[in-house]
Amino acid sequence: MATTDFGSLPRENPCAQCGKPIAVPEWVEAGPRRTSYLWRCRACDYRFEAVAFFDQSEPNREALAA
């Protein structure tokens, strides 16, 4: 399920190819114990995905990796 809650999105992630900052992810999909982010760089048109995994035993949902 995609989300549009821009308040909790990661911001200014550097492009994996050219290093320019990307303001917000193009697509976000939340699942059990993970959230996937699709990033698209407007400078070089490179697209990549980052996934954050969460420890369910922690109530504050702190990311284990992204």
PDB file of N, CA and C in Angstrom:
ATOM      1  N   MET A   1       0.849  -1.173   0.000  1.00  0.00           N
ATOM      2  CA  MET A   1       0.000   0.000   0.000  1.00  0.00           C
ATOM      3  C   MET A   1       0.894   1.235   0.000  1.00  0.00           C
ATOM      4  N   ALA A   2       0.671   2.139  -0.909  1.00  0.00           N
ATOM      5  CA  ALA A   2       1.469   3.363  -0.997  1.00  0.00           C
ATOM      6  C   ALA A   2       0.972   4.379   0.018  1.00  0.00           C
ATOM      7  N   THR A   3       1.881   5.236   0.438  1.00  0.00           N
ATOM      8  CA  THR A   3       1.513   6.250   1.418  1.00  0.00           C
ATOM      9  C   THR A   3       1.906   7.629   0.915  1.00  0.00           C
ATOM     10  N   THR A   4       1.202   8.656   1.383  1.00  0.00           N
ATOM     11  CA  THR A   4       1.538  10.022   1.005  1.00  0.00           C
ATOM     12  C   THR A   4       1.780  10.884   2.231  1.00  0.00           C
ATOM     13  N   ASP A   5       2.108  10.289   3.357  1.00  0.00           N
ATOM     14  CA  ASP A   5       2.422  11.040   4.572  1.00  0.00           C
ATOM     15  C   ASP A   5       3.835  11.590   4.454  1.00  0.00           C
ATOM     16  N   PHE A   6       3.970  12.829   3.984  1.00  0.00           N
ATOM     17  CA  PHE A   6       5.281  13.407   3.733  1.00  0.00           C
ATOM     18  C   PHE A   6       5.983  13.842   5.004  1.00  0.00           C
ATOM     19  N   GLY A   7       5.308  13.865   6.143  1.00  0.00           N
ATOM     20  CA  GLY A   7       5.918  14.289   7.389  1.00  0.00           C
ATOM     21  C   GLY A   7       6.972  13.330   7.911  1.00  0.00           C
ATOM     22  N   SER A   8       6.835  12.042   7.633  1.00  0.00           N
ATOM     23  CA  SER A   8       7.770  11.060   8.171  1.00  0.00           C
ATOM     24  C   SER A   8       8.694  10.462   7.105  1.00  0.00           C
ATOM     25  N   LEU A   9       8.716  11.020   5.915  1.00  0.00           N
ATOM     26  CA  LEU A   9       9.562  10.491   4.851  1.00  0.00           C
ATOM     27  C   LEU A   9      11.018  10.888   5.030  1.00  0.00           C
ATOM     28  N   PRO A  10      11.928  10.007   4.603  1.00  0.00           N
ATOM     29  CA  PRO A  10      13.328  10.418   4.584  1.00  0.00           C
ATOM     30  C   PRO A  10      13.498  11.514   3.537  1.00  0.00           C
ATOM     31  N   ARG A  11      14.422  12.426   3.782  1.00  0.00           N
ATOM     32  CA  ARG A  11      14.621  13.555   2.862  1.00  0.00           C
ATOM     33  C   ARG A  11      16.093  13.707   2.519  1.00  0.00           C
ATOM     34  N   GLU A  12      16.327  14.299   1.352  1.00  0.00           N
ATOM     35  CA  GLU A  12      17.679  14.637   0.889  1.00  0.00           C
ATOM     36  C   GLU A  12      18.609  13.423   0.833  1.00  0.00           C
ATOM     37  N   ASN A  13      18.072  12.279   0.423  1.00  0.00           N
ATOM     38  CA  ASN A  13      18.895  11.089   0.228  1.00  0.00           C
ATOM     39  C   ASN A  13      19.784  11.322  -0.987  1.00  0.00           C
ATOM     40  N   PRO A  14      21.086  11.052  -0.915  1.00  0.00           N
ATOM     41  CA  PRO A  14      21.934  11.262  -2.089  1.00  0.00           C
ATOM     42  C   PRO A  14      21.682  10.195  -3.150  1.00  0.00           C
ATOM     43  N   CYS A  15      21.766  10.601  -4.412  1.00  0.00           N
ATOM     44  CA  CYS A  15      21.619   9.672  -5.523  1.00  0.00           C
ATOM     45  C   CYS A  15      22.732   8.632  -5.450  1.00  0.00           C
ATOM     46  N   ALA A  16      22.384   7.368  -5.686  1.00  0.00           N
ATOM     47  CA  ALA A  16      23.360   6.287  -5.635  1.00  0.00           C
ATOM     48  C   ALA A  16      24.328   6.333  -6.815  1.00  0.00           C
ATOM     49  N   GLN A  17      24.009   7.120  -7.850  1.00  0.00           N
ATOM     50  CA  GLN A  17      24.885   7.189  -9.018  1.00  0.00           C
ATOM     51  C   GLN A  17      25.680   8.488  -9.081  1.00  0.00           C
ATOM     52  N   CYS A  18      25.000   9.636  -8.976  1.00  0.00           N
ATOM     53  CA  CYS A  18      25.707  10.913  -9.151  1.00  0.00           C
ATOM     54  C   CYS A  18      25.932  11.665  -7.840  1.00  0.00           C
ATOM     55  N   GLY A  19      25.245  11.262  -6.750  1.00  0.00           N
ATOM     56  CA  GLY A  19      25.454  11.877  -5.443  1.00  0.00           C
ATOM     57  C   GLY A  19      24.629  13.115  -5.159  1.00  0.00           C
ATOM     58  N   LYS A  20      23.864  13.600  -6.118  1.00  0.00           N
ATOM     59  CA  LYS A  20      23.022  14.786  -5.880  1.00  0.00           C
ATOM     60  C   LYS A  20      21.886  14.419  -4.937  1.00  0.00           C
ATOM     61  N   PRO A  21      21.484  15.335  -4.052  1.00  0.00           N
ATOM     62  CA  PRO A  21      20.397  15.024  -3.110  1.00  0.00           C
ATOM     63  C   PRO A  21      19.044  14.899  -3.810  1.00  0.00           C
ATOM     64  N   ILE A  22      18.253  13.938  -3.349  1.00  0.00           N
ATOM     65  CA  ILE A  22      16.890  13.735  -3.848  1.00  0.00           C
ATOM     66  C   ILE A  22      15.956  14.145  -2.722  1.00  0.00           C
ATOM     67  N   ALA A  23      15.058  15.075  -3.001  1.00  0.00           N
ATOM     68  CA  ALA A  23      14.216  15.684  -1.969  1.00  0.00           C
ATOM     69  C   ALA A  23      13.403  14.650  -1.188  1.00  0.00           C
ATOM     70  N   VAL A  24      12.604  13.856  -1.860  1.00  0.00           N
ATOM     71  CA  VAL A  24      11.762  12.833  -1.223  1.00  0.00           C
ATOM     72  C   VAL A  24      11.663  11.635  -2.159  1.00  0.00           C
ATOM     73  N   PRO A  25      11.348  10.452  -1.632  1.00  0.00           N
ATOM     74  CA  PRO A  25      11.185   9.283  -2.499  1.00  0.00           C
ATOM     75  C   PRO A  25       9.987   9.448  -3.428  1.00  0.00           C
ATOM     76  N   GLU A  26      10.075   8.815  -4.583  1.00  0.00           N
ATOM     77  CA  GLU A  26       8.990   8.861  -5.563  1.00  0.00           C
ATOM     78  C   GLU A  26       7.841   7.937  -5.154  1.00  0.00           C
ATOM     79  N   TRP A  27       8.157   6.857  -4.455  1.00  0.00           N
ATOM     80  CA  TRP A  27       7.154   5.867  -4.071  1.00  0.00           C
ATOM     81  C   TRP A  27       7.545   5.281  -2.720  1.00  0.00           C
ATOM     82  N   VAL A  28       6.567   5.040  -1.872  1.00  0.00           N
ATOM     83  CA  VAL A  28       6.799   4.420  -0.568  1.00  0.00           C
ATOM     84  C   VAL A  28       5.799   3.292  -0.407  1.00  0.00           C
ATOM     85  N   GLU A  29       6.291   2.131   0.006  1.00  0.00           N
ATOM     86  CA  GLU A  29       5.403   0.999   0.239  1.00  0.00           C
ATOM     87  C   GLU A  29       5.755   0.377   1.583  1.00  0.00           C
ATOM     88  N   ALA A  30       4.783   0.369   2.480  1.00  0.00           N
ATOM     89  CA  ALA A  30       4.985  -0.191   3.819  1.00  0.00           C
ATOM     90  C   ALA A  30       4.473  -1.621   3.849  1.00  0.00           C
ATOM     91  N   GLY A  31       5.222  -2.466   4.529  1.00  0.00           N
ATOM     92  CA  GLY A  31       4.833  -3.861   4.704  1.00  0.00           C
ATOM     93  C   GLY A  31       5.127  -4.263   6.133  1.00  0.00           C
ATOM     94  N   PRO A  32       4.871  -5.513   6.458  1.00  0.00           N
ATOM     95  CA  PRO A  32       5.175  -5.969   7.808  1.00  0.00           C
ATOM     96  C   PRO A  32       6.690  -5.938   8.052  1.00  0.00           C
ATOM     97  N   ARG A  33       7.098  -5.200   9.055  1.00  0.00           N
ATOM     98  CA  ARG A  33       8.494  -5.101   9.492  1.00  0.00           C
ATOM     99  C   ARG A  33       9.428  -4.439   8.486  1.00  0.00           C
ATOM    100  N   ARG A  34       8.885  -3.765   7.440  1.00  0.00           N
ATOM    101  CA  ARG A  34       9.760  -3.099   6.483  1.00  0.00           C
ATOM    102  C   ARG A  34       9.015  -1.991   5.740  1.00  0.00           C
ATOM    103  N   THR A  35       9.769  -1.027   5.235  1.00  0.00           N
ATOM    104  CA  THR A  35       9.241   0.004   4.359  1.00  0.00           C
ATOM    105  C   THR A  35      10.199   0.140   3.186  1.00  0.00           C
ATOM    106  N   SER A  36       9.665   0.127   1.963  1.00  0.00           N
ATOM    107  CA  SER A  36      10.471   0.264   0.749  1.00  0.00           C
ATOM    108  C   SER A  36      10.304   1.668   0.191  1.00  0.00           C
ATOM    109  N   TYR A  37      11.412   2.233  -0.283  1.00  0.00           N
ATOM    110  CA  TYR A  37      11.415   3.566  -0.865  1.00  0.00           C
ATOM    111  C   TYR A  37      11.989   3.491  -2.272  1.00  0.00           C
ATOM    112  N   LEU A  38      11.290   4.058  -3.254  1.00  0.00           N
ATOM    113  CA  LEU A  38      11.800   4.157  -4.609  1.00  0.00           C
ATOM    114  C   LEU A  38      12.271   5.587  -4.822  1.00  0.00           C
ATOM    115  N   TRP A  39      13.544   5.738  -5.155  1.00  0.00           N
ATOM    116  CA  TRP A  39      14.143   7.053  -5.366  1.00  0.00           C
ATOM    117  C   TRP A  39      14.417   7.245  -6.851  1.00  0.00           C
ATOM    118  N   ARG A  40      14.182   8.477  -7.353  1.00  0.00           N
ATOM    119  CA  ARG A  40      14.515   8.816  -8.736  1.00  0.00           C
ATOM    120  C   ARG A  40      15.242  10.146  -8.729  1.00  0.00           C
ATOM    121  N   CYS A  41      16.422  10.141  -9.300  1.00  0.00           N
ATOM    122  CA  CYS A  41      17.231  11.354  -9.371  1.00  0.00           C
ATOM    123  C   CYS A  41      16.826  12.153 -10.600  1.00  0.00           C
ATOM    124  N   ARG A  42      16.427  13.379 -10.405  1.00  0.00           N
ATOM    125  CA  ARG A  42      16.046  14.232 -11.528  1.00  0.00           C
ATOM    126  C   ARG A  42      17.264  14.742 -12.288  1.00  0.00           C
ATOM    127  N   ALA A  43      18.440  14.709 -11.672  1.00  0.00           N
ATOM    128  CA  ALA A  43      19.658  15.180 -12.324  1.00  0.00           C
ATOM    129  C   ALA A  43      20.165  14.180 -13.371  1.00  0.00           C
ATOM    130  N   CYS A  44      20.184  12.876 -13.026  1.00  0.00           N
ATOM    131  CA  CYS A  44      20.736  11.881 -13.950  1.00  0.00           C
ATOM    132  C   CYS A  44      19.729  10.791 -14.339  1.00  0.00           C
ATOM    133  N   ASP A  45      18.499  10.871 -13.824  1.00  0.00           N
ATOM    134  CA  ASP A  45      17.401   9.939 -14.105  1.00  0.00           C
ATOM    135  C   ASP A  45      17.682   8.508 -13.622  1.00  0.00           C
ATOM    136  N   TYR A  46      18.579   8.359 -12.665  1.00  0.00           N
ATOM    137  CA  TYR A  46      18.858   7.045 -12.081  1.00  0.00           C
ATOM    138  C   TYR A  46      17.771   6.722 -11.068  1.00  0.00           C
ATOM    139  N   ARG A  47      17.334   5.467 -11.024  1.00  0.00           N
ATOM    140  CA  ARG A  47      16.320   5.022 -10.066  1.00  0.00           C
ATOM    141  C   ARG A  47      16.887   3.884  -9.238  1.00  0.00           C
ATOM    142  N   PHE A  48      16.569   3.902  -7.956  1.00  0.00           N
ATOM    143  CA  PHE A  48      17.015   2.832  -7.077  1.00  0.00           C
ATOM    144  C   PHE A  48      16.055   2.691  -5.915  1.00  0.00           C
ATOM    145  N   GLU A  49      16.097   1.528  -5.267  1.00  0.00           N
ATOM    146  CA  GLU A  49      15.214   1.232  -4.148  1.00  0.00           C
ATOM    147  C   GLU A  49      16.041   1.079  -2.881  1.00  0.00           C
ATOM    148  N   ALA A  50      15.508   1.580  -1.789  1.00  0.00           N
ATOM    149  CA  ALA A  50      16.098   1.385  -0.468  1.00  0.00           C
ATOM    150  C   ALA A  50      15.009   0.790   0.424  1.00  0.00           C
ATOM    151  N   VAL A  51      15.402  -0.136   1.297  1.00  0.00           N
ATOM    152  CA  VAL A  51      14.448  -0.799   2.180  1.00  0.00           C
ATOM    153  C   VAL A  51      14.893  -0.612   3.624  1.00  0.00           C
ATOM    154  N   ALA A  52      13.972  -0.169   4.471  1.00  0.00           N
ATOM    155  CA  ALA A  52      14.222  -0.048   5.908  1.00  0.00           C
ATOM    156  C   ALA A  52      13.529  -1.219   6.591  1.00  0.00           C
ATOM    157  N   PHE A  53      14.275  -1.951   7.420  1.00  0.00           N
ATOM    158  CA  PHE A  53      13.728  -3.072   8.184  1.00  0.00           C
ATOM    159  C   PHE A  53      13.574  -2.651   9.632  1.00  0.00           C
ATOM    160  N   PHE A  54      12.467  -3.067  10.254  1.00  0.00           N
ATOM    161  CA  PHE A  54      12.160  -2.681  11.617  1.00  0.00           C
ATOM    162  C   PHE A  54      12.092  -3.895  12.523  1.00  0.00           C
ATOM    163  N   ASP A  55      12.541  -3.737  13.740  1.00  0.00           N
ATOM    164  CA  ASP A  55      12.478  -4.774  14.752  1.00  0.00           C
ATOM    165  C   ASP A  55      11.105  -4.676  15.418  1.00  0.00           C
ATOM    166  N   GLN A  56      10.280  -5.684  15.274  1.00  0.00           N
ATOM    167  CA  GLN A  56       8.923  -5.636  15.826  1.00  0.00           C
ATOM    168  C   GLN A  56       8.900  -5.627  17.334  1.00  0.00           C
ATOM    169  N   SER A  57       9.952  -6.056  17.975  1.00  0.00           N
ATOM    170  CA  SER A  57       9.954  -6.050  19.432  1.00  0.00           C
ATOM    171  C   SER A  57      10.136  -4.651  19.994  1.00  0.00           C
ATOM    172  N   GLU A  58      10.551  -3.707  19.150  1.00  0.00           N
ATOM    173  CA  GLU A  58      10.728  -2.313  19.580  1.00  0.00           C
ATOM    174  C   GLU A  58       9.476  -1.519  19.212  1.00  0.00           C
ATOM    175  N   PRO A  59       8.782  -0.938  20.167  1.00  0.00           N
ATOM    176  CA  PRO A  59       7.539  -0.213  19.869  1.00  0.00           C
ATOM    177  C   PRO A  59       7.763   1.074  19.087  1.00  0.00           C
ATOM    178  N   ASN A  60       8.968   1.673  19.105  1.00  0.00           N
ATOM    179  CA  ASN A  60       9.176   2.954  18.421  1.00  0.00           C
ATOM    180  C   ASN A  60       9.530   2.791  16.940  1.00  0.00           C
ATOM    181  N   ARG A  61       9.625   1.554  16.423  1.00  0.00           N
ATOM    182  CA  ARG A  61       9.886   1.259  15.008  1.00  0.00           C
ATOM    183  C   ARG A  61      11.141   1.937  14.488  1.00  0.00           C
ATOM    184  N   GLU A  62      12.223   1.838  15.188  1.00  0.00           N
ATOM    185  CA  GLU A  62      13.488   2.399  14.721  1.00  0.00           C
ATOM    186  C   GLU A  62      14.067   1.507  13.613  1.00  0.00           C
ATOM    187  N   ALA A  63      14.531   2.112  12.528  1.00  0.00           N
ATOM    188  CA  ALA A  63      15.035   1.364  11.387  1.00  0.00           C
ATOM    189  C   ALA A  63      16.316   0.617  11.746  1.00  0.00           C
ATOM    190  N   LEU A  64      16.427  -0.628  11.282  1.00  0.00           N
ATOM    191  CA  LEU A  64      17.631  -1.416  11.472  1.00  0.00           C
ATOM    192  C   LEU A  64      18.607  -1.213  10.309  1.00  0.00           C
ATOM    193  N   ALA A  65      18.079  -0.967   9.112  1.00  0.00           N
ATOM    194  CA  ALA A  65      18.909  -0.737   7.919  1.00  0.00           C
ATOM    195  C   ALA A  65      18.079  -0.006   6.887  1.00  0.00           C
ATOM    196  N   ALA A  66      18.748   0.738   6.025  1.00  0.00           N
ATOM    197  CA  ALA A  66      18.037   1.431   4.948  1.00  0.00           C
ATOM    198  C   ALA A  66      18.923   1.525   3.746  1.00  0.00           C
TER     199      ALA A  66
END
